Amino acid sequence: MKQTLIVVALVISASLLACGPKSNQAISTGKTIKSVPVGNLTATLSSESGTLSHGDQEIMLSFTDSAGKPVDVGAASLNFHMPQMGTMQEMNDATSLTTTTTPGIYRGKVNIELPGEWQGQIAYEGPAGKGKATFSVNAH
């Protein structure tokens, strides 16, 4: 009887593992904030709300080809820059990016210091080559 219970438990465990979440399931990137060309790819900044806000927040950054499929770019970075204005010092708010289960889609955390117009600075280097882009984006 004890061996039968162990076998049943193993079969149930294996079934749950086989039916559990898959690493190749689509990642929700939320609503697009801004899309920009970076070389022959498109970089898309997005969030759950579709807006960039001042303060702490989570964002998504994805790199796609002309067909809209995610492309593994390797190491990626995203910085938000606001130049010096009057007595206000120049600001740089770096995004902490982490990879997701889908190569080419990154989850990020950033603290945008002030509302206003920022320059997003994207860079990558890896299997897709090297690329850089700068774009304007408003933080609310």
Foldseek 3Di string as FASTA:
>chain_A
DVVVVVVVVVVVVVVCVVPDDDLPDDDDQAAFQDWDDWPQKIKTKAFNVSAAAAFKDKIKIFIAHPVRATDAQDDKWKKKWDPDDDPRHTDIKTWDWDDGSGHRMIMTIIHHHDWAKIKIWMWTDDPVHITIDIDIGTHD
